[in-house]
Amino acid sequence: MKTTRSFLLFCSLFLLPLAAGCKKSNDAAAPGAGGKLYAVAVDGPNARVRITPAAGWKMNLEYEHRFEGKLKGAGTPLVVPTAKAKVSEQEVVFELVDAKGKGAEGSVFFAICTKQKCIPAEEPVSF
């Protein structure tokens, strides 16, 4: 009987708080709509690419976010670095000024984070 009480006391003091803590950290890592941890929206007419993290995630402000690609038709290389992007914890927006009216294709490179981890990502875009 004494062993059972000790075991129950051990579980309530150590295992239950640990289980609750694990559940809480898993909630922050839950993916957004479609199972992705981020969304990439392309506004073709305005030559704009917007990246937003899912709930519980933020954009990594220390990462070198960038767009690398080519203008459609001409094949002219097009690179937009972090310095020319609008960057905050809620979003990164690339305005591809040279691509207005021409279109572009390439990839955006970025990183999203929680308090526990960061994930770099590459996403192809075309408009």
N, C-alpha and C. Protein backbone atom coordinates (compact mmCIF):
# COMPACT_ATOMS: atom_id res chain seq x y z
N MET A 1 0.82 -1.20 0.00
CA MET A 1 0.00 0.00 0.00
C MET A 1 0.87 1.26 0.00
N LYS A 2 1.93 1.25 0.82
CA LYS A 2 2.82 2.39 0.90
C LYS A 2 3.52 2.61 -0.44
N THR A 3 3.85 1.53 -1.14
CA THR A 3 4.52 1.62 -2.44
C THR A 3 3.58 2.26 -3.46
N THR A 4 2.32 1.91 -3.45
CA THR A 4 1.34 2.47 -4.37
C THR A 4 1.19 3.98 -4.15
N ARG A 5 1.13 4.40 -2.91
CA ARG A 5 1.02 5.83 -2.60
C ARG A 5 2.27 6.58 -3.09
N SER A 6 3.42 6.00 -2.87
CA SER A 6 4.67 6.63 -3.30
C SER A 6 4.69 6.76 -4.82
N PHE A 7 4.23 5.72 -5.49
CA PHE A 7 4.20 5.76 -6.96
C PHE A 7 3.23 6.84 -7.44
N LEU A 8 2.06 6.92 -6.85
CA LEU A 8 1.08 7.94 -7.23
C LEU A 8 1.61 9.34 -6.94
N LEU A 9 2.27 9.52 -5.83
CA LEU A 9 2.84 10.82 -5.49
C LEU A 9 3.92 11.19 -6.51
N PHE A 10 4.77 10.21 -6.86
CA PHE A 10 5.82 10.44 -7.85
C PHE A 10 5.20 10.86 -9.19
N CYS A 11 4.17 10.15 -9.63
CA CYS A 11 3.52 10.46 -10.90
C CYS A 11 2.90 11.86 -10.88
N SER A 12 2.21 12.19 -9.81
CA SER A 12 1.54 13.49 -9.78
C SER A 12 2.53 14.64 -9.68
N LEU A 13 3.66 14.43 -9.02
CA LEU A 13 4.63 15.51 -8.86
C LEU A 13 5.56 15.66 -10.06
N PHE A 14 5.89 14.56 -10.74
CA PHE A 14 6.91 14.63 -11.78
C PHE A 14 6.40 14.32 -13.19
N LEU A 15 5.59 13.31 -13.33
CA LEU A 15 5.19 12.90 -14.67
C LEU A 15 4.07 13.76 -15.26
N LEU A 16 3.08 14.12 -14.47
CA LEU A 16 1.98 14.91 -15.00
C LEU A 16 2.43 16.31 -15.44
N PRO A 17 3.22 17.03 -14.65
CA PRO A 17 3.69 18.33 -15.14
C PRO A 17 4.55 18.20 -16.40
N LEU A 18 5.34 17.14 -16.48
CA LEU A 18 6.16 16.92 -17.66
C LEU A 18 5.28 16.67 -18.88
N ALA A 19 4.23 15.88 -18.73
CA ALA A 19 3.31 15.61 -19.85
C ALA A 19 2.60 16.89 -20.27
N ALA A 20 2.21 17.70 -19.32
CA ALA A 20 1.54 18.96 -19.65
C ALA A 20 2.50 19.88 -20.40
N GLY A 21 3.76 19.92 -19.99
CA GLY A 21 4.75 20.75 -20.68
C GLY A 21 4.99 20.28 -22.10
N CYS A 22 5.00 18.98 -22.33
CA CYS A 22 5.20 18.45 -23.67
C CYS A 22 4.04 18.83 -24.57
N LYS A 23 2.83 18.71 -24.06
CA LYS A 23 1.67 19.07 -24.86
C LYS A 23 1.72 20.54 -25.25
N LYS A 24 2.11 21.39 -24.34
CA LYS A 24 2.15 22.82 -24.61
C LYS A 24 3.16 23.13 -25.71
N SER A 25 4.34 22.52 -25.66
CA SER A 25 5.33 22.81 -26.70
C SER A 25 4.90 22.24 -28.05
N ASN A 26 4.16 21.15 -28.09
CA ASN A 26 3.67 20.61 -29.35
C ASN A 26 2.64 21.52 -29.98
N ASP A 27 1.84 22.21 -29.15
CA ASP A 27 0.85 23.14 -29.69
C ASP A 27 1.52 24.26 -30.49
N ALA A 28 2.67 24.75 -30.02
CA ALA A 28 3.36 25.83 -30.71
C ALA A 28 3.93 25.37 -32.04
N ALA A 29 4.16 24.06 -32.18
CA ALA A 29 4.76 23.55 -33.41
C ALA A 29 3.71 23.03 -34.39
N ALA A 30 2.44 23.23 -34.07
CA ALA A 30 1.38 22.72 -34.94
C ALA A 30 1.41 23.45 -36.28
N PRO A 31 1.30 22.72 -37.39
CA PRO A 31 1.33 23.36 -38.70
C PRO A 31 0.06 24.15 -38.97
N GLY A 32 0.17 25.10 -39.89
CA GLY A 32 -0.97 25.91 -40.28
C GLY A 32 -1.82 25.18 -41.29
N ALA A 33 -2.65 25.91 -42.00
CA ALA A 33 -3.54 25.33 -43.00
C ALA A 33 -2.74 24.59 -44.06
N GLY A 34 -3.22 23.44 -44.45
CA GLY A 34 -2.55 22.65 -45.48
C GLY A 34 -1.33 21.92 -44.96
N GLY A 35 -1.09 21.92 -43.64
CA GLY A 35 0.03 21.19 -43.08
C GLY A 35 1.36 21.93 -43.15
N LYS A 36 1.39 23.14 -43.69
CA LYS A 36 2.63 23.91 -43.78
C LYS A 36 2.79 24.81 -42.57
N LEU A 37 4.03 25.12 -42.27
CA LEU A 37 4.33 26.01 -41.16
C LEU A 37 4.37 27.47 -41.58
N TYR A 38 4.06 27.72 -42.86
CA TYR A 38 4.10 29.07 -43.40
C TYR A 38 3.20 29.13 -44.63
N ALA A 39 2.92 30.35 -45.07
CA ALA A 39 2.16 30.56 -46.31
C ALA A 39 2.96 31.50 -47.20
N VAL A 40 2.97 31.20 -48.49
CA VAL A 40 3.62 32.07 -49.47
C VAL A 40 2.54 32.54 -50.43
N ALA A 41 2.31 33.85 -50.48
CA ALA A 41 1.29 34.43 -51.36
C ALA A 41 1.99 35.25 -52.44
N VAL A 42 1.57 35.03 -53.68
CA VAL A 42 2.16 35.74 -54.82
C VAL A 42 1.11 36.68 -55.41
N ASP A 43 1.46 37.96 -55.51
CA ASP A 43 0.61 38.97 -56.12
C ASP A 43 1.28 39.34 -57.45
N GLY A 44 0.93 38.61 -58.51
CA GLY A 44 1.56 38.78 -59.82
C GLY A 44 1.50 40.17 -60.41
N PRO A 45 0.30 40.80 -60.46
CA PRO A 45 0.21 42.13 -61.07
C PRO A 45 1.11 43.17 -60.39
N ASN A 46 1.31 43.03 -59.08
CA ASN A 46 2.16 43.98 -58.35
C ASN A 46 3.57 43.46 -58.12
N ALA A 47 3.88 42.27 -58.67
CA ALA A 47 5.21 41.65 -58.54
C ALA A 47 5.66 41.61 -57.08
N ARG A 48 4.79 41.04 -56.23
CA ARG A 48 5.06 40.99 -54.80
C ARG A 48 4.91 39.56 -54.29
N VAL A 49 5.85 39.14 -53.42
CA VAL A 49 5.79 37.82 -52.78
C VAL A 49 5.79 38.05 -51.28
N ARG A 50 4.79 37.45 -50.59
CA ARG A 50 4.64 37.65 -49.14
C ARG A 50 4.69 36.30 -48.44
N ILE A 51 5.53 36.20 -47.42
CA ILE A 51 5.66 34.97 -46.62
C ILE A 51 5.18 35.27 -45.21
N THR A 52 4.27 34.44 -44.70
CA THR A 52 3.78 34.61 -43.33
C THR A 52 3.89 33.27 -42.59
N PRO A 53 4.37 33.28 -41.36
CA PRO A 53 4.47 32.05 -40.58
C PRO A 53 3.11 31.64 -40.00
N ALA A 54 2.95 30.35 -39.72
CA ALA A 54 1.74 29.84 -39.08
C ALA A 54 1.70 30.29 -37.62
N ALA A 55 0.56 30.15 -36.98
CA ALA A 55 0.41 30.52 -35.57
C ALA A 55 1.45 29.79 -34.73
N GLY A 56 2.07 30.51 -33.81
CA GLY A 56 3.09 29.93 -32.95
C GLY A 56 4.49 30.02 -33.52
N TRP A 57 4.61 30.50 -34.75
CA TRP A 57 5.90 30.64 -35.41
C TRP A 57 6.13 32.11 -35.72
N LYS A 58 7.38 32.49 -35.98
CA LYS A 58 7.72 33.85 -36.38
C LYS A 58 8.82 33.78 -37.42
N MET A 59 8.98 34.86 -38.17
CA MET A 59 10.07 34.94 -39.13
C MET A 59 11.37 35.16 -38.35
N ASN A 60 12.42 34.53 -38.78
CA ASN A 60 13.73 34.69 -38.15
C ASN A 60 14.35 35.98 -38.67
N LEU A 61 14.49 36.97 -37.81
CA LEU A 61 15.00 38.28 -38.22
C LEU A 61 16.49 38.28 -38.51
N GLU A 62 17.20 37.23 -38.11
CA GLU A 62 18.64 37.16 -38.33
C GLU A 62 18.99 36.41 -39.62
N TYR A 63 18.04 35.77 -40.25
CA TYR A 63 18.29 34.98 -41.45
C TYR A 63 18.39 35.91 -42.68
N GLU A 64 19.18 35.53 -43.65
CA GLU A 64 19.32 36.30 -44.89
C GLU A 64 18.22 35.89 -45.87
N HIS A 65 17.02 36.41 -45.68
CA HIS A 65 15.90 36.12 -46.57
C HIS A 65 16.23 36.66 -47.96
N ARG A 66 15.79 35.96 -49.01
CA ARG A 66 16.06 36.47 -50.36
C ARG A 66 15.16 35.78 -51.38
N PHE A 67 15.01 36.46 -52.50
CA PHE A 67 14.38 35.89 -53.69
C PHE A 67 15.49 35.75 -54.73
N GLU A 68 15.57 34.58 -55.35
CA GLU A 68 16.51 34.35 -56.44
C GLU A 68 15.73 33.76 -57.60
N GLY A 69 15.86 34.36 -58.77
CA GLY A 69 15.14 33.84 -59.92
C GLY A 69 15.53 34.56 -61.19
N LYS A 70 14.61 34.50 -62.15
CA LYS A 70 14.83 35.12 -63.46
C LYS A 70 13.54 35.79 -63.92
N LEU A 71 13.72 36.84 -64.70
CA LEU A 71 12.57 37.45 -65.34
C LEU A 71 12.08 36.51 -66.42
N LYS A 72 10.78 36.38 -66.56
CA LYS A 72 10.23 35.52 -67.61
C LYS A 72 10.53 36.13 -68.98
N GLY A 73 10.72 35.28 -69.93
CA GLY A 73 10.99 35.73 -71.29
C GLY A 73 12.45 36.04 -71.52
N ALA A 74 12.96 37.09 -70.88
CA ALA A 74 14.34 37.52 -71.09
C ALA A 74 15.35 36.61 -70.38
N GLY A 75 14.94 35.98 -69.29
CA GLY A 75 15.85 35.12 -68.53
C GLY A 75 16.88 35.89 -67.73
N THR A 76 16.67 37.20 -67.58
CA THR A 76 17.60 38.04 -66.81
C THR A 76 17.55 37.65 -65.34
N PRO A 77 18.71 37.39 -64.73
CA PRO A 77 18.73 37.04 -63.31
C PRO A 77 18.13 38.16 -62.45
N LEU A 78 17.43 37.75 -61.42
CA LEU A 78 16.79 38.70 -60.51
C LEU A 78 17.02 38.22 -59.09
N VAL A 79 17.68 39.03 -58.28
CA VAL A 79 17.94 38.70 -56.88
C VAL A 79 17.47 39.87 -56.02
N VAL A 80 16.67 39.55 -55.00
CA VAL A 80 16.21 40.57 -54.05
C VAL A 80 16.66 40.11 -52.66
N PRO A 81 17.66 40.79 -52.07
CA PRO A 81 18.17 40.40 -50.76
C PRO A 81 17.30 40.94 -49.62
N THR A 82 17.64 40.51 -48.40
CA THR A 82 16.93 40.97 -47.20
C THR A 82 16.90 42.49 -47.12
N ALA A 83 18.00 43.12 -47.48
CA ALA A 83 18.09 44.58 -47.37
C ALA A 83 17.02 45.30 -48.20
N LYS A 84 16.51 44.66 -49.24
CA LYS A 84 15.50 45.29 -50.09
C LYS A 84 14.10 44.71 -49.85
N ALA A 85 13.93 43.97 -48.78
CA ALA A 85 12.64 43.37 -48.44
C ALA A 85 12.08 44.04 -47.19
N LYS A 86 10.76 43.93 -47.03
CA LYS A 86 10.10 44.38 -45.80
C LYS A 86 10.10 43.17 -44.86
N VAL A 87 10.79 43.26 -43.73
CA VAL A 87 10.96 42.12 -42.84
C VAL A 87 10.46 42.45 -41.44
N SER A 88 9.61 41.58 -40.90
CA SER A 88 9.17 41.67 -39.51
C SER A 88 8.96 40.24 -39.01
N GLU A 89 8.66 40.08 -37.73
CA GLU A 89 8.41 38.74 -37.20
C GLU A 89 7.14 38.14 -37.80
N GLN A 90 6.22 38.97 -38.29
CA GLN A 90 4.95 38.49 -38.83
C GLN A 90 5.00 38.18 -40.32
N GLU A 91 5.97 38.77 -41.06
CA GLU A 91 6.00 38.56 -42.50
C GLU A 91 7.31 39.02 -43.12
N VAL A 92 7.55 38.52 -44.32
CA VAL A 92 8.61 39.03 -45.19
C VAL A 92 7.95 39.29 -46.53
N VAL A 93 8.15 40.51 -47.07
CA VAL A 93 7.56 40.87 -48.35
C VAL A 93 8.66 41.30 -49.31
N PHE A 94 8.70 40.63 -50.46
CA PHE A 94 9.63 41.00 -51.53
C PHE A 94 8.85 41.72 -52.62
N GLU A 95 9.31 42.90 -52.99
CA GLU A 95 8.72 43.62 -54.12
C GLU A 95 9.71 43.49 -55.27
N LEU A 96 9.31 42.78 -56.31
CA LEU A 96 10.18 42.51 -57.45
C LEU A 96 9.91 43.55 -58.52
N VAL A 97 10.40 44.75 -58.28
CA VAL A 97 10.13 45.91 -59.12
C VAL A 97 10.45 45.63 -60.59
N ASP A 98 11.57 45.00 -60.87
CA ASP A 98 11.98 44.73 -62.26
C ASP A 98 11.05 43.73 -62.96
N ALA A 99 10.24 43.02 -62.20
CA ALA A 99 9.37 41.99 -62.78
C ALA A 99 7.96 42.49 -63.07
N LYS A 100 7.64 43.72 -62.69
CA LYS A 100 6.29 44.24 -62.93
C LYS A 100 6.00 44.24 -64.43
N GLY A 101 4.89 43.62 -64.79
CA GLY A 101 4.48 43.53 -66.19
C GLY A 101 5.23 42.49 -67.00
N LYS A 102 6.25 41.87 -66.43
CA LYS A 102 7.05 40.87 -67.15
C LYS A 102 6.88 39.47 -66.58
N GLY A 103 6.74 39.38 -65.26
CA GLY A 103 6.65 38.10 -64.59
C GLY A 103 8.04 37.61 -64.21
N ALA A 104 8.07 36.67 -63.28
CA ALA A 104 9.33 36.10 -62.82
C ALA A 104 9.08 34.69 -62.30
N GLU A 105 10.15 33.94 -62.22
CA GLU A 105 10.09 32.62 -61.59
C GLU A 105 11.39 32.39 -60.85
N GLY A 106 11.29 31.72 -59.73
CA GLY A 106 12.47 31.46 -58.92
C GLY A 106 12.06 30.87 -57.59
N SER A 107 12.82 31.18 -56.55
CA SER A 107 12.55 30.67 -55.20
C SER A 107 12.77 31.75 -54.16
N VAL A 108 12.00 31.67 -53.08
CA VAL A 108 12.25 32.50 -51.91
C VAL A 108 12.92 31.63 -50.86
N PHE A 109 13.89 32.21 -50.19
CA PHE A 109 14.63 31.53 -49.13
C PHE A 109 14.38 32.29 -47.85
N PHE A 110 14.00 31.58 -46.77
CA PHE A 110 13.65 32.23 -45.52
C PHE A 110 13.74 31.23 -44.38
N ALA A 111 13.56 31.69 -43.15
CA ALA A 111 13.56 30.81 -41.98
C ALA A 111 12.48 31.26 -41.02
N ILE A 112 11.82 30.27 -40.40
CA ILE A 112 10.79 30.53 -39.39
C ILE A 112 11.23 29.87 -38.09
N CYS A 113 10.77 30.42 -36.97
CA CYS A 113 11.22 29.92 -35.67
C CYS A 113 10.10 29.87 -34.64
N THR A 114 10.32 29.01 -33.65
CA THR A 114 9.60 29.05 -32.38
C THR A 114 10.67 29.34 -31.34
N LYS A 115 10.32 29.31 -30.07
CA LYS A 115 11.34 29.52 -29.03
C LYS A 115 12.31 28.34 -28.98
N GLN A 116 11.87 27.15 -29.44
CA GLN A 116 12.70 25.96 -29.35
C GLN A 116 13.55 25.68 -30.58
N LYS A 117 13.09 26.09 -31.77
CA LYS A 117 13.83 25.71 -32.98
C LYS A 117 13.55 26.67 -34.13
N CYS A 118 14.45 26.61 -35.12
CA CYS A 118 14.30 27.38 -36.36
C CYS A 118 14.39 26.42 -37.54
N ILE A 119 13.63 26.73 -38.57
CA ILE A 119 13.61 25.89 -39.77
C ILE A 119 13.84 26.76 -40.99
N PRO A 120 14.93 26.53 -41.72
CA PRO A 120 15.12 27.24 -42.99
C PRO A 120 14.23 26.60 -44.05
N ALA A 121 13.79 27.40 -45.01
CA ALA A 121 12.90 26.88 -46.06
C ALA A 121 13.22 27.53 -47.40
N GLU A 122 12.87 26.80 -48.45
CA GLU A 122 12.95 27.30 -49.82
C GLU A 122 11.62 26.97 -50.48
N GLU A 123 11.02 27.95 -51.13
CA GLU A 123 9.72 27.74 -51.76
C GLU A 123 9.76 28.32 -53.18
N PRO A 124 9.43 27.49 -54.19
CA PRO A 124 9.40 28.01 -55.56
C PRO A 124 8.20 28.93 -55.77
N VAL A 125 8.40 30.00 -56.56
CA VAL A 125 7.33 30.92 -56.91
C VAL A 125 7.40 31.26 -58.40
N SER A 126 6.26 31.56 -58.96
CA SER A 126 6.19 31.92 -60.38
C SER A 126 4.95 32.78 -60.59
N PHE A 127 5.10 33.82 -61.41
CA PHE A 127 3.95 34.65 -61.77
C PHE A 127 4.19 35.30 -63.10
